[in-house]
C-alpha atoms as a PDB file:
ATOM      1  CA  UNK A   1       5.142  53.610 -31.125  1.00  0.00           C
ATOM      2  CA  UNK A   2       2.922  56.631 -30.996  1.00  0.00           C
ATOM      3  CA  UNK A   3       3.764  60.069 -29.900  1.00  0.00           C
ATOM      4  CA  UNK A   4       2.034  61.024 -26.483  1.00  0.00           C
ATOM      5  CA  UNK A   5       2.438  63.728 -23.973  1.00  0.00           C
ATOM      6  CA  UNK A   6       1.103  62.572 -20.539  1.00  0.00           C
ATOM      7  CA  UNK A   7      -1.685  64.893 -19.165  1.00  0.00           C
ATOM      8  CA  UNK A   8      -1.136  67.212 -16.436  1.00  0.00           C
ATOM      9  CA  UNK A   9      -1.874  66.019 -12.809  1.00  0.00           C
ATOM     10  CA  UNK A  10      -5.499  66.915 -12.008  1.00  0.00           C
ATOM     11  CA  UNK A  11      -6.564  66.980 -15.622  1.00  0.00           C
ATOM     12  CA  UNK A  12     -10.236  66.116 -16.205  1.00  0.00           C
ATOM     13  CA  UNK A  13     -11.548  63.727 -18.894  1.00  0.00           C
ATOM     14  CA  UNK A  14     -14.318  65.915 -19.830  1.00  0.00           C
ATOM     15  CA  UNK A  15     -13.914  69.724 -20.424  1.00  0.00           C
ATOM     16  CA  UNK A  16     -15.483  72.346 -22.712  1.00  0.00           C
ATOM     17  CA  UNK A  17     -13.467  72.859 -25.808  1.00  0.00           C
ATOM     18  CA  UNK A  18     -10.905  70.327 -24.642  1.00  0.00           C
ATOM     19  CA  UNK A  19      -9.034  67.713 -26.719  1.00  0.00           C
ATOM     20  CA  UNK A  20     -11.099  64.425 -26.851  1.00  0.00           C
ATOM     21  CA  UNK A  21      -7.953  62.266 -27.276  1.00  0.00           C
ATOM     22  CA  UNK A  22      -6.624  63.911 -24.207  1.00  0.00           C
ATOM     23  CA  UNK A  23      -9.772  63.038 -22.217  1.00  0.00           C
ATOM     24  CA  UNK A  24      -9.437  59.380 -23.501  1.00  0.00           C
ATOM     25  CA  UNK A  25      -5.848  59.271 -22.035  1.00  0.00           C
ATOM     26  CA  UNK A  26      -6.876  60.741 -18.752  1.00  0.00           C
ATOM     27  CA  UNK A  27      -9.662  58.109 -18.392  1.00  0.00           C
ATOM     28  CA  UNK A  28      -7.381  55.454 -19.609  1.00  0.00           C
ATOM     29  CA  UNK A  29      -4.605  56.400 -17.031  1.00  0.00           C
ATOM     30  CA  UNK A  30      -7.242  56.568 -14.302  1.00  0.00           C
ATOM     31  CA  UNK A  31      -8.346  52.915 -15.282  1.00  0.00           C
ATOM     32  CA  UNK A  32      -5.027  51.194 -15.420  1.00  0.00           C
ATOM     33  CA  UNK A  33      -2.683  53.467 -13.547  1.00  0.00           C
ATOM     34  CA  UNK A  34       0.253  55.628 -14.737  1.00  0.00           C
ATOM     35  CA  UNK A  35       2.899  53.033 -14.712  1.00  0.00           C
ATOM     36  CA  UNK A  36       0.855  50.622 -16.769  1.00  0.00           C
ATOM     37  CA  UNK A  37      -0.032  53.417 -19.184  1.00  0.00           C
ATOM     38  CA  UNK A  38       3.519  54.520 -19.754  1.00  0.00           C
ATOM     39  CA  UNK A  39       4.450  50.851 -20.720  1.00  0.00           C
ATOM     40  CA  UNK A  40       1.214  50.566 -22.918  1.00  0.00           C
ATOM     41  CA  UNK A  41       2.144  53.756 -24.981  1.00  0.00           C
ATOM     42  CA  UNK A  42       5.967  53.178 -24.677  1.00  0.00           C
ATOM     43  CA  UNK A  43       6.472  56.532 -22.987  1.00  0.00           C
ATOM     44  CA  UNK A  44      10.102  57.520 -22.551  1.00  0.00           C
ATOM     45  CA  UNK A  45      11.454  55.728 -25.621  1.00  0.00           C
ATOM     46  CA  UNK A  46      11.980  58.902 -27.694  1.00  0.00           C
ATOM     47  CA  UNK A  47      14.985  60.018 -25.839  1.00  0.00           C
ATOM     48  CA  UNK A  48      16.791  56.864 -26.642  1.00  0.00           C
ATOM     49  CA  UNK A  49      16.097  57.308 -30.362  1.00  0.00           C
ATOM     50  CA  UNK A  50      17.188  60.910 -30.273  1.00  0.00           C
ATOM     51  CA  UNK A  51      20.532  59.903 -28.585  1.00  0.00           C
ATOM     52  CA  UNK A  52      21.022  57.298 -31.181  1.00  0.00           C
ATOM     53  CA  UNK A  53      20.544  59.528 -34.077  1.00  0.00           C
ATOM     54  CA  UNK A  54      22.640  62.346 -32.658  1.00  0.00           C
ATOM     55  CA  UNK A  55      25.547  59.843 -32.077  1.00  0.00           C
ATOM     56  CA  UNK A  56      25.392  59.062 -35.941  1.00  0.00           C
END
């Protein structure tokens, strides 16, 4: 599982001085869709892990 932050709505895949990794994510989301991207990167799993460790 990798840590990812979804890009803002309306983000562009190419920008001056922008993060190349962010541009790749924007292009990937446009290609496969947000729902498929969230499943691919397992977005939303961190809160489950944090709840588990806070319960310990």
